Amino acid sequence: MREEELLDAAARVLAGDHSASTVQIAAGLGISRATLSRRYATREALLKAVAARSIEVVDGCLAPADLPGASADGPSFDAALEDLVVALLPAAHLYGFTSRDATVLADPAFRAGLERQDQRALAFLTLGQRLGRLRTDLPPYWIWYSLWGLLDAAAEGVRDGHLAPREIGRLVLTSFLGGARPPWPPPAPAPAA
């Protein structure tokens, strides 16, 4: 099993059971505890490797968010937003586990990676608000957190067998865009009193 596959699979096991032991994680991966221990001597070392993998994967997913602010327009923002949501779908299990694990959250390198990603995403979402493509009555952090909430729910729905993997892209996009987009046509301004 390649390193990336092992870490992704471990994240899926941990997303289903945050307290899974190395024996349970190894069983979920279909390998022995000894094999897992040869790669990661401790559970903490494995958790930190999953966290580093999470940062790496989400960094790659954020590429659509790197629109040039000065030349971006509504249609290019819309396309980039959809690309971003679709790109993040496979990363939901990684983020879902790492964003809630106390060991991972105590790691300054992981926290710095999250902060960097948040700032990158918030700049993109703020651009969408300036372009009139996202609601301005919602803070950008709320839009970002709500997207991750939907992604986490999608991953859990697939893991529990309630949702088909091929359907979650449409479900997340529909739910996210339905809540984050401004109403169309925009409401008329209230008359001056």
N, C-alpha and C. Protein backbone atom coordinates (compact mmCIF):
# COMPACT_ATOMS: atom_id res chain seq x y z
N MET A 1 0.86 -1.18 0.00
CA MET A 1 0.00 0.00 0.00
C MET A 1 0.90 1.24 0.00
N ARG A 2 0.65 2.12 -0.95
CA ARG A 2 1.42 3.37 -1.00
C ARG A 2 1.10 4.22 0.23
N GLU A 3 2.04 5.09 0.58
CA GLU A 3 1.90 5.92 1.77
C GLU A 3 0.62 6.75 1.75
N GLU A 4 0.35 7.41 0.61
CA GLU A 4 -0.85 8.26 0.51
C GLU A 4 -2.12 7.44 0.70
N GLU A 5 -2.16 6.23 0.11
CA GLU A 5 -3.33 5.36 0.26
C GLU A 5 -3.51 4.93 1.71
N LEU A 6 -2.40 4.60 2.37
CA LEU A 6 -2.46 4.19 3.77
C LEU A 6 -3.01 5.32 4.63
N LEU A 7 -2.49 6.53 4.44
CA LEU A 7 -2.94 7.66 5.26
C LEU A 7 -4.39 8.02 4.98
N ASP A 8 -4.80 7.97 3.71
CA ASP A 8 -6.20 8.25 3.38
C ASP A 8 -7.12 7.21 4.01
N ALA A 9 -6.72 5.94 3.94
CA ALA A 9 -7.53 4.87 4.53
C ALA A 9 -7.57 5.00 6.05
N ALA A 10 -6.45 5.35 6.66
CA ALA A 10 -6.42 5.56 8.12
C ALA A 10 -7.36 6.70 8.51
N ALA A 11 -7.37 7.76 7.71
CA ALA A 11 -8.26 8.89 8.00
C ALA A 11 -9.71 8.45 7.92
N ARG A 12 -10.04 7.59 6.97
CA ARG A 12 -11.42 7.10 6.88
C ARG A 12 -11.80 6.30 8.12
N VAL A 13 -10.90 5.45 8.58
CA VAL A 13 -11.16 4.67 9.80
C VAL A 13 -11.35 5.62 10.97
N LEU A 14 -10.46 6.60 11.10
CA LEU A 14 -10.53 7.54 12.22
C LEU A 14 -11.74 8.46 12.13
N ALA A 15 -12.18 8.78 10.92
CA ALA A 15 -13.39 9.60 10.77
C ALA A 15 -14.61 8.85 11.31
N GLY A 16 -14.59 7.53 11.18
CA GLY A 16 -15.69 6.73 11.70
C GLY A 16 -15.60 6.48 13.19
N ASP A 17 -14.38 6.47 13.73
CA ASP A 17 -14.16 6.25 15.16
C ASP A 17 -12.91 7.01 15.57
N HIS A 18 -13.10 8.20 16.12
CA HIS A 18 -11.98 9.07 16.49
C HIS A 18 -11.04 8.44 17.50
N SER A 19 -11.54 7.51 18.28
CA SER A 19 -10.71 6.91 19.33
C SER A 19 -10.13 5.56 18.91
N ALA A 20 -10.21 5.21 17.64
CA ALA A 20 -9.73 3.91 17.18
C ALA A 20 -8.26 3.71 17.59
N SER A 21 -7.98 2.52 18.09
CA SER A 21 -6.61 2.18 18.48
C SER A 21 -5.81 1.81 17.23
N THR A 22 -4.51 1.66 17.39
CA THR A 22 -3.69 1.26 16.24
C THR A 22 -4.10 -0.14 15.77
N VAL A 23 -4.53 -1.00 16.68
CA VAL A 23 -5.01 -2.33 16.28
C VAL A 23 -6.25 -2.19 15.41
N GLN A 24 -7.19 -1.33 15.82
CA GLN A 24 -8.42 -1.13 15.04
C GLN A 24 -8.12 -0.45 13.70
N ILE A 25 -7.21 0.51 13.71
CA ILE A 25 -6.84 1.19 12.47
C ILE A 25 -6.22 0.19 11.51
N ALA A 26 -5.28 -0.61 12.01
CA ALA A 26 -4.64 -1.61 11.16
C ALA A 26 -5.67 -2.58 10.60
N ALA A 27 -6.61 -3.04 11.43
CA ALA A 27 -7.65 -3.96 10.96
C ALA A 27 -8.50 -3.28 9.88
N GLY A 28 -8.82 -2.01 10.08
CA GLY A 28 -9.58 -1.26 9.08
C GLY A 28 -8.84 -1.10 7.77
N LEU A 29 -7.52 -1.13 7.84
CA LEU A 29 -6.69 -1.02 6.63
C LEU A 29 -6.44 -2.37 5.98
N GLY A 30 -6.77 -3.44 6.70
CA GLY A 30 -6.51 -4.78 6.18
C GLY A 30 -5.06 -5.19 6.30
N ILE A 31 -4.36 -4.62 7.29
CA ILE A 31 -2.97 -4.98 7.53
C ILE A 31 -2.80 -5.31 9.01
N SER A 32 -1.66 -5.86 9.37
CA SER A 32 -1.42 -6.20 10.77
C SER A 32 -0.95 -4.95 11.53
N ARG A 33 -1.10 -5.02 12.84
CA ARG A 33 -0.61 -3.93 13.68
C ARG A 33 0.90 -3.79 13.53
N ALA A 34 1.59 -4.93 13.40
CA ALA A 34 3.05 -4.90 13.25
C ALA A 34 3.45 -4.16 11.97
N THR A 35 2.71 -4.40 10.89
CA THR A 35 3.00 -3.71 9.63
C THR A 35 2.78 -2.22 9.78
N LEU A 36 1.68 -1.83 10.42
CA LEU A 36 1.41 -0.42 10.65
C LEU A 36 2.49 0.19 11.56
N SER A 37 2.89 -0.55 12.59
CA SER A 37 3.90 -0.05 13.53
C SER A 37 5.27 0.12 12.90
N ARG A 38 5.57 -0.68 11.87
CA ARG A 38 6.85 -0.50 11.17
C ARG A 38 6.88 0.85 10.45
N ARG A 39 5.74 1.31 10.01
CA ARG A 39 5.67 2.62 9.32
C ARG A 39 5.51 3.76 10.31
N TYR A 40 4.69 3.53 11.34
CA TYR A 40 4.41 4.57 12.34
C TYR A 40 4.52 3.93 13.71
N ALA A 41 5.56 4.30 14.42
CA ALA A 41 5.87 3.66 15.70
C ALA A 41 4.78 3.87 16.74
N THR A 42 4.08 5.01 16.68
CA THR A 42 3.04 5.31 17.67
C THR A 42 1.78 5.81 16.97
N ARG A 43 0.70 5.76 17.72
CA ARG A 43 -0.56 6.30 17.19
C ARG A 43 -0.41 7.80 16.91
N GLU A 44 0.29 8.50 17.79
CA GLU A 44 0.51 9.94 17.61
C GLU A 44 1.27 10.22 16.31
N ALA A 45 2.27 9.41 16.01
CA ALA A 45 3.02 9.60 14.76
C ALA A 45 2.11 9.39 13.55
N LEU A 46 1.23 8.40 13.63
CA LEU A 46 0.27 8.17 12.54
C LEU A 46 -0.68 9.36 12.41
N LEU A 47 -1.19 9.86 13.53
CA LEU A 47 -2.12 10.99 13.49
C LEU A 47 -1.46 12.22 12.87
N LYS A 48 -0.22 12.47 13.23
CA LYS A 48 0.49 13.62 12.66
C LYS A 48 0.74 13.44 11.17
N ALA A 49 0.98 12.20 10.74
CA ALA A 49 1.16 11.95 9.30
C ALA A 49 -0.16 12.15 8.55
N VAL A 50 -1.27 11.72 9.15
CA VAL A 50 -2.58 11.95 8.53
C VAL A 50 -2.85 13.45 8.46
N ALA A 51 -2.50 14.19 9.50
CA ALA A 51 -2.70 15.64 9.50
C ALA A 51 -1.86 16.31 8.41
N ALA A 52 -0.61 15.91 8.28
CA ALA A 52 0.24 16.47 7.23
C ALA A 52 -0.33 16.15 5.85
N ARG A 53 -0.85 14.94 5.69
CA ARG A 53 -1.49 14.55 4.42
C ARG A 53 -2.72 15.43 4.17
N SER A 54 -3.49 15.69 5.20
CA SER A 54 -4.67 16.54 5.08
C SER A 54 -4.30 17.93 4.57
N ILE A 55 -3.28 18.52 5.16
CA ILE A 55 -2.85 19.85 4.74
C ILE A 55 -2.41 19.82 3.28
N GLU A 56 -1.64 18.81 2.91
CA GLU A 56 -1.15 18.68 1.54
C GLU A 56 -2.32 18.55 0.55
N VAL A 57 -3.28 17.69 0.86
CA VAL A 57 -4.41 17.45 -0.05
C VAL A 57 -5.28 18.70 -0.18
N VAL A 58 -5.62 19.32 0.95
CA VAL A 58 -6.49 20.50 0.89
C VAL A 58 -5.77 21.66 0.21
N ASP A 59 -4.45 21.80 0.42
CA ASP A 59 -3.70 22.82 -0.32
C ASP A 59 -3.90 22.64 -1.82
N GLY A 60 -3.80 21.41 -2.29
CA GLY A 60 -4.00 21.14 -3.71
C GLY A 60 -5.42 21.43 -4.16
N CYS A 61 -6.38 21.15 -3.31
CA CYS A 61 -7.79 21.39 -3.64
C CYS A 61 -8.11 22.88 -3.78
N LEU A 62 -7.33 23.71 -3.09
CA LEU A 62 -7.61 25.15 -3.08
C LEU A 62 -7.15 25.86 -4.36
N ALA A 63 -6.54 25.15 -5.29
CA ALA A 63 -6.06 25.78 -6.52
C ALA A 63 -7.12 26.59 -7.25
N PRO A 64 -8.39 26.12 -7.37
CA PRO A 64 -9.39 26.96 -8.04
C PRO A 64 -9.64 28.29 -7.34
N ALA A 65 -9.31 28.39 -6.06
CA ALA A 65 -9.55 29.62 -5.30
C ALA A 65 -8.52 30.70 -5.60
N ASP A 66 -7.50 30.36 -6.34
CA ASP A 66 -6.43 31.33 -6.63
C ASP A 66 -6.73 32.17 -7.86
N LEU A 67 -7.91 32.77 -7.89
CA LEU A 67 -8.28 33.66 -8.98
C LEU A 67 -7.59 35.01 -8.79
N PRO A 68 -7.13 35.60 -9.87
CA PRO A 68 -6.59 36.96 -9.73
C PRO A 68 -7.73 37.92 -9.42
N GLY A 69 -7.66 38.58 -8.27
CA GLY A 69 -8.75 39.44 -7.82
C GLY A 69 -9.10 40.57 -8.76
N ALA A 70 -8.11 41.18 -9.38
CA ALA A 70 -8.36 42.34 -10.22
C ALA A 70 -9.09 41.99 -11.51
N SER A 71 -8.80 40.81 -12.07
CA SER A 71 -9.40 40.49 -13.37
C SER A 71 -10.53 39.47 -13.28
N ALA A 72 -10.86 39.02 -12.07
CA ALA A 72 -11.92 38.02 -11.93
C ALA A 72 -13.28 38.65 -12.21
N ASP A 73 -14.15 37.85 -12.80
CA ASP A 73 -15.53 38.29 -13.03
C ASP A 73 -16.48 37.23 -12.47
N GLY A 74 -17.76 37.53 -12.50
CA GLY A 74 -18.76 36.62 -11.94
C GLY A 74 -18.70 35.21 -12.48
N PRO A 75 -18.72 35.04 -13.82
CA PRO A 75 -18.68 33.68 -14.35
C PRO A 75 -17.40 32.91 -13.99
N SER A 76 -16.25 33.59 -13.98
CA SER A 76 -15.01 32.88 -13.63
C SER A 76 -15.03 32.51 -12.15
N PHE A 77 -15.61 33.36 -11.30
CA PHE A 77 -15.73 33.03 -9.89
C PHE A 77 -16.66 31.83 -9.71
N ASP A 78 -17.81 31.85 -10.40
CA ASP A 78 -18.77 30.74 -10.27
C ASP A 78 -18.13 29.41 -10.66
N ALA A 79 -17.40 29.41 -11.76
CA ALA A 79 -16.74 28.18 -12.21
C ALA A 79 -15.69 27.73 -11.20
N ALA A 80 -14.92 28.68 -10.67
CA ALA A 80 -13.89 28.33 -9.68
C ALA A 80 -14.52 27.81 -8.40
N LEU A 81 -15.65 28.38 -7.98
CA LEU A 81 -16.33 27.93 -6.76
C LEU A 81 -16.81 26.49 -6.93
N GLU A 82 -17.42 26.19 -8.05
CA GLU A 82 -17.87 24.81 -8.28
C GLU A 82 -16.69 23.86 -8.34
N ASP A 83 -15.61 24.27 -9.02
CA ASP A 83 -14.40 23.43 -9.07
C ASP A 83 -13.85 23.19 -7.67
N LEU A 84 -13.86 24.22 -6.83
CA LEU A 84 -13.36 24.09 -5.46
C LEU A 84 -14.18 23.09 -4.67
N VAL A 85 -15.51 23.21 -4.74
CA VAL A 85 -16.37 22.31 -3.98
C VAL A 85 -16.15 20.86 -4.44
N VAL A 86 -16.11 20.64 -5.74
CA VAL A 86 -15.91 19.29 -6.27
C VAL A 86 -14.52 18.76 -5.88
N ALA A 87 -13.51 19.62 -5.90
CA ALA A 87 -12.15 19.20 -5.53
C ALA A 87 -12.08 18.80 -4.07
N LEU A 88 -12.83 19.48 -3.21
CA LEU A 88 -12.78 19.20 -1.78
C LEU A 88 -13.52 17.93 -1.37
N LEU A 89 -14.42 17.43 -2.21
CA LEU A 89 -15.21 16.25 -1.83
C LEU A 89 -14.35 15.08 -1.37
N PRO A 90 -13.32 14.69 -2.13
CA PRO A 90 -12.52 13.55 -1.67
C PRO A 90 -11.69 13.83 -0.42
N ALA A 91 -11.52 15.08 -0.06
CA ALA A 91 -10.72 15.44 1.11
C ALA A 91 -11.54 15.51 2.39
N ALA A 92 -12.84 15.33 2.30
CA ALA A 92 -13.72 15.53 3.46
C ALA A 92 -13.36 14.60 4.61
N HIS A 93 -13.03 13.35 4.34
CA HIS A 93 -12.70 12.42 5.42
C HIS A 93 -11.41 12.83 6.13
N LEU A 94 -10.45 13.35 5.37
CA LEU A 94 -9.20 13.82 5.98
C LEU A 94 -9.46 15.00 6.89
N TYR A 95 -10.17 15.98 6.36
CA TYR A 95 -10.42 17.19 7.13
C TYR A 95 -11.34 16.90 8.30
N GLY A 96 -12.34 16.06 8.07
CA GLY A 96 -13.31 15.75 9.12
C GLY A 96 -12.67 15.17 10.35
N PHE A 97 -11.68 14.31 10.17
CA PHE A 97 -11.00 13.75 11.33
C PHE A 97 -10.03 14.75 11.94
N THR A 98 -9.16 15.31 11.11
CA THR A 98 -8.08 16.13 11.64
C THR A 98 -8.57 17.41 12.30
N SER A 99 -9.69 17.94 11.85
CA SER A 99 -10.17 19.20 12.41
C SER A 99 -10.79 19.04 13.79
N ARG A 100 -10.93 17.79 14.25
CA ARG A 100 -11.56 17.56 15.56
C ARG A 100 -10.67 16.79 16.53
N ASP A 101 -9.52 16.35 16.09
CA ASP A 101 -8.67 15.54 16.96
C ASP A 101 -7.76 16.42 17.81
N ALA A 102 -7.80 16.24 19.13
CA ALA A 102 -7.04 17.09 20.04
C ALA A 102 -5.53 16.97 19.81
N THR A 103 -5.05 15.77 19.53
CA THR A 103 -3.61 15.59 19.28
C THR A 103 -3.18 16.38 18.06
N VAL A 104 -3.95 16.28 17.02
CA VAL A 104 -3.64 16.99 15.77
C VAL A 104 -3.74 18.50 15.97
N LEU A 105 -4.81 18.94 16.61
CA LEU A 105 -5.02 20.38 16.79
C LEU A 105 -3.97 21.02 17.69
N ALA A 106 -3.30 20.23 18.52
CA ALA A 106 -2.24 20.76 19.37
C ALA A 106 -0.93 20.96 18.61
N ASP A 107 -0.85 20.45 17.41
CA ASP A 107 0.38 20.54 16.61
C ASP A 107 0.46 21.92 15.95
N PRO A 108 1.47 22.74 16.29
CA PRO A 108 1.57 24.09 15.73
C PRO A 108 1.69 24.10 14.20
N ALA A 109 2.37 23.11 13.63
CA ALA A 109 2.52 23.06 12.16
C ALA A 109 1.16 22.84 11.50
N PHE A 110 0.34 21.96 12.09
CA PHE A 110 -0.99 21.72 11.54
C PHE A 110 -1.86 22.97 11.66
N ARG A 111 -1.83 23.59 12.83
CA ARG A 111 -2.62 24.81 13.05
C ARG A 111 -2.20 25.90 12.06
N ALA A 112 -0.90 26.04 11.81
CA ALA A 112 -0.42 27.04 10.85
C ALA A 112 -0.91 26.70 9.44
N GLY A 113 -0.93 25.43 9.10
CA GLY A 113 -1.45 25.01 7.79
C GLY A 113 -2.93 25.33 7.65
N LEU A 114 -3.71 25.06 8.70
CA LEU A 114 -5.14 25.39 8.67
C LEU A 114 -5.35 26.89 8.51
N GLU A 115 -4.58 27.67 9.25
CA GLU A 115 -4.72 29.13 9.18
C GLU A 115 -4.39 29.64 7.77
N ARG A 116 -3.34 29.11 7.18
CA ARG A 116 -2.97 29.50 5.82
C ARG A 116 -4.10 29.15 4.84
N GLN A 117 -4.66 27.96 4.98
CA GLN A 117 -5.75 27.55 4.10
C GLN A 117 -6.99 28.42 4.31
N ASP A 118 -7.29 28.69 5.57
CA ASP A 118 -8.44 29.55 5.86
C ASP A 118 -8.27 30.92 5.19
N GLN A 119 -7.11 31.51 5.31
CA GLN A 119 -6.88 32.84 4.73
C GLN A 119 -7.02 32.81 3.21
N ARG A 120 -6.52 31.76 2.61
CA ARG A 120 -6.63 31.61 1.15
C ARG A 120 -8.10 31.49 0.74
N ALA A 121 -8.85 30.65 1.45
CA ALA A 121 -10.27 30.46 1.14
C ALA A 121 -11.07 31.73 1.42
N LEU A 122 -10.76 32.41 2.53
CA LEU A 122 -11.51 33.62 2.88
C LEU A 122 -11.28 34.73 1.85
N ALA A 123 -10.07 34.85 1.33
CA ALA A 123 -9.81 35.84 0.28
C ALA A 123 -10.67 35.53 -0.94
N PHE A 124 -10.78 34.26 -1.29
CA PHE A 124 -11.60 33.85 -2.42
C PHE A 124 -13.07 34.14 -2.18
N LEU A 125 -13.57 33.79 -1.01
CA LEU A 125 -14.99 34.01 -0.69
C LEU A 125 -15.31 35.49 -0.61
N THR A 126 -14.40 36.29 -0.08
CA THR A 126 -14.59 37.74 -0.03
C THR A 126 -14.66 38.31 -1.43
N LEU A 127 -13.83 37.79 -2.34
CA LEU A 127 -13.91 38.20 -3.74
C LEU A 127 -15.30 37.88 -4.30
N GLY A 128 -15.81 36.71 -4.00
CA GLY A 128 -17.15 36.33 -4.45
C GLY A 128 -18.22 37.27 -3.92
N GLN A 129 -18.06 37.73 -2.69
CA GLN A 129 -19.00 38.71 -2.14
C GLN A 129 -18.89 40.05 -2.88
N ARG A 130 -17.64 40.49 -3.14
CA ARG A 130 -17.45 41.76 -3.87
C ARG A 130 -18.04 41.69 -5.27
N LEU A 131 -17.99 40.52 -5.88
CA LEU A 131 -18.53 40.34 -7.23
C LEU A 131 -20.05 40.13 -7.22
N GLY A 132 -20.64 40.06 -6.04
CA GLY A 132 -22.08 39.85 -5.94
C GLY A 132 -22.49 38.41 -6.18
N ARG A 133 -21.53 37.48 -6.09
CA ARG A 133 -21.82 36.07 -6.36
C ARG A 133 -22.10 35.28 -5.09
N LEU A 134 -21.78 35.86 -3.93
CA LEU A 134 -22.07 35.24 -2.65
C LEU A 134 -22.76 36.27 -1.76
N ARG A 135 -23.55 35.77 -0.83
CA ARG A 135 -24.28 36.65 0.07
C ARG A 135 -23.31 37.48 0.90
N THR A 136 -23.65 38.74 1.05
CA THR A 136 -22.82 39.64 1.86
C THR A 136 -23.32 39.73 3.30
N ASP A 137 -24.49 39.16 3.58
CA ASP A 137 -25.00 39.18 4.95
C ASP A 137 -24.46 38.01 5.77
N LEU A 138 -23.63 37.17 5.16
CA LEU A 138 -23.00 36.07 5.87
C LEU A 138 -21.50 36.31 5.94
N PRO A 139 -20.89 36.15 7.10
CA PRO A 139 -19.43 36.31 7.19
C PRO A 139 -18.74 35.24 6.33
N PRO A 140 -17.63 35.58 5.69
CA PRO A 140 -16.91 34.58 4.88
C PRO A 140 -16.54 33.33 5.69
N TYR A 141 -16.19 33.51 6.97
CA TYR A 141 -15.86 32.33 7.77
C TYR A 141 -17.06 31.39 7.86
N TRP A 142 -18.26 31.96 8.00
CA TRP A 142 -19.45 31.11 8.09
C TRP A 142 -19.65 30.35 6.79
N ILE A 143 -19.45 30.99 5.67
CA ILE A 143 -19.59 30.31 4.37
C ILE A 143 -18.58 29.17 4.28
N TRP A 144 -17.34 29.43 4.69
CA TRP A 144 -16.28 28.41 4.65
C TRP A 144 -16.61 27.26 5.59
N TYR A 145 -17.01 27.58 6.82
CA TYR A 145 -17.36 26.52 7.78
C TYR A 145 -18.57 25.73 7.31
N SER A 146 -19.55 26.39 6.74
CA SER A 146 -20.75 25.67 6.30
C SER A 146 -20.41 24.72 5.15
N LEU A 147 -19.49 25.12 4.29
CA LEU A 147 -19.06 24.22 3.22
C LEU A 147 -18.44 22.96 3.82
N TRP A 148 -17.54 23.14 4.79
CA TRP A 148 -16.91 21.97 5.41
C TRP A 148 -17.93 21.13 6.17
N GLY A 149 -18.93 21.75 6.75
CA GLY A 149 -19.99 20.99 7.42
C GLY A 149 -20.73 20.10 6.44
N LEU A 150 -21.04 20.64 5.27
CA LEU A 150 -21.71 19.84 4.24
C LEU A 150 -20.81 18.72 3.73
N LEU A 151 -19.53 19.03 3.52
CA LEU A 151 -18.59 18.01 3.06
C LEU A 151 -18.47 16.88 4.10
N ASP A 152 -18.40 17.25 5.36
CA ASP A 152 -18.31 16.27 6.43
C ASP A 152 -19.59 15.42 6.48
N ALA A 153 -20.74 16.05 6.32
CA ALA A 153 -22.01 15.31 6.31
C ALA A 153 -22.07 14.35 5.12
N ALA A 154 -21.57 14.79 3.98
CA ALA A 154 -21.55 13.92 2.79
C ALA A 154 -20.66 12.71 3.04
N ALA A 155 -19.47 12.93 3.59
CA ALA A 155 -18.55 11.81 3.87
C ALA A 155 -19.18 10.84 4.85
N GLU A 156 -19.86 11.36 5.88
CA GLU A 156 -20.51 10.50 6.86
C GLU A 156 -21.66 9.72 6.22
N GLY A 157 -22.44 10.39 5.37
CA GLY A 157 -23.54 9.72 4.69
C GLY A 157 -23.08 8.58 3.81
N VAL A 158 -21.95 8.77 3.13
CA VAL A 158 -21.38 7.71 2.30
C VAL A 158 -20.86 6.58 3.20
N ARG A 159 -20.11 6.95 4.25
CA ARG A 159 -19.54 5.97 5.16
C ARG A 159 -20.64 5.11 5.81
N ASP A 160 -21.77 5.73 6.14
CA ASP A 160 -22.87 5.00 6.78
C ASP A 160 -23.74 4.25 5.78
N GLY A 161 -23.48 4.44 4.49
CA GLY A 161 -24.24 3.73 3.46
C GLY A 161 -25.56 4.38 3.10
N HIS A 162 -25.80 5.61 3.53
CA HIS A 162 -27.06 6.29 3.24
C HIS A 162 -27.02 7.10 1.95
N LEU A 163 -25.81 7.44 1.50
CA LEU A 163 -25.66 8.24 0.29
C LEU A 163 -24.70 7.55 -0.67
N ALA A 164 -25.01 7.66 -1.96
CA ALA A 164 -24.13 7.09 -2.98
C ALA A 164 -22.99 8.06 -3.26
N PRO A 165 -21.76 7.57 -3.34
CA PRO A 165 -20.63 8.47 -3.61
C PRO A 165 -20.82 9.33 -4.85
N ARG A 166 -21.46 8.79 -5.88
CA ARG A 166 -21.64 9.56 -7.12
C ARG A 166 -22.66 10.69 -6.97
N GLU A 167 -23.45 10.66 -5.90
CA GLU A 167 -24.47 11.68 -5.69
C GLU A 167 -24.03 12.85 -4.82
N ILE A 168 -22.97 12.66 -4.03
CA ILE A 168 -22.67 13.69 -3.04
C ILE A 168 -22.20 15.00 -3.66
N GLY A 169 -21.59 14.95 -4.82
CA GLY A 169 -21.18 16.20 -5.47
C GLY A 169 -22.38 17.09 -5.73
N ARG A 170 -23.41 16.51 -6.31
CA ARG A 170 -24.63 17.27 -6.60
C ARG A 170 -25.31 17.74 -5.32
N LEU A 171 -25.36 16.86 -4.32
CA LEU A 171 -26.03 17.22 -3.07
C LEU A 171 -25.31 18.36 -2.35
N VAL A 172 -24.00 18.26 -2.27
CA VAL A 172 -23.23 19.31 -1.58
C VAL A 172 -23.33 20.62 -2.35
N LEU A 173 -23.15 20.56 -3.67
CA LEU A 173 -23.22 21.80 -4.47
C LEU A 173 -24.59 22.45 -4.36
N THR A 174 -25.65 21.66 -4.47
CA THR A 174 -27.00 22.21 -4.40
C THR A 174 -27.26 22.86 -3.04
N SER A 175 -26.90 22.15 -1.99
CA SER A 175 -27.14 22.69 -0.64
C SER A 175 -26.28 23.91 -0.37
N PHE A 176 -25.00 23.83 -0.73
CA PHE A 176 -24.09 24.94 -0.47
C PHE A 176 -24.48 26.17 -1.26
N LEU A 177 -24.65 26.01 -2.56
CA LEU A 177 -24.96 27.17 -3.40
C LEU A 177 -26.34 27.74 -3.06
N GLY A 178 -27.28 26.89 -2.66
CA GLY A 178 -28.60 27.37 -2.28
C GLY A 178 -28.55 28.28 -1.07
N GLY A 179 -27.60 28.05 -0.18
CA GLY A 179 -27.50 28.88 1.02
C GLY A 179 -26.52 30.03 0.90
N ALA A 180 -25.50 29.89 0.05
CA ALA A 180 -24.45 30.91 -0.03
C ALA A 180 -24.69 31.95 -1.11
N ARG A 181 -25.47 31.62 -2.10
CA ARG A 181 -25.72 32.57 -3.18
C ARG A 181 -26.76 33.59 -2.75
N PRO A 182 -26.62 34.80 -3.23
CA PRO A 182 -27.65 35.80 -2.94
C PRO A 182 -28.93 35.45 -3.69
N PRO A 183 -30.07 35.90 -3.19
CA PRO A 183 -31.32 35.63 -3.90
C PRO A 183 -31.30 36.32 -5.27
N TRP A 184 -31.95 35.69 -6.23
CA TRP A 184 -32.01 36.28 -7.57
C TRP A 184 -33.45 36.35 -8.00
N PRO A 185 -33.96 37.44 -8.46
CA PRO A 185 -33.24 38.72 -8.50
C PRO A 185 -33.07 39.26 -7.09
N PRO A 186 -32.05 40.11 -6.93
CA PRO A 186 -31.81 40.66 -5.58
C PRO A 186 -33.04 41.41 -5.09
N PRO A 187 -33.29 41.40 -3.78
CA PRO A 187 -34.44 42.12 -3.27
C PRO A 187 -34.27 43.63 -3.51
N ALA A 188 -35.40 44.27 -3.73
CA ALA A 188 -35.37 45.73 -3.91
C ALA A 188 -34.97 46.41 -2.61
N PRO A 189 -34.20 47.48 -2.69
CA PRO A 189 -33.83 48.17 -1.46
C PRO A 189 -35.06 48.70 -0.74
N ALA A 190 -34.97 48.70 0.57
CA ALA A 190 -36.08 49.20 1.38
C ALA A 190 -36.22 50.70 1.15
N PRO A 191 -37.46 51.21 1.08
CA PRO A 191 -37.63 52.65 0.90
C PRO A 191 -37.09 53.43 2.08
N ALA A 192 -36.54 54.59 1.79
CA ALA A 192 -36.01 55.45 2.84
C ALA A 192 -37.14 55.94 3.73
N ALA A 193 -36.88 55.99 5.00
CA ALA A 193 -37.94 56.41 5.95
C ALA A 193 -38.01 57.89 6.05
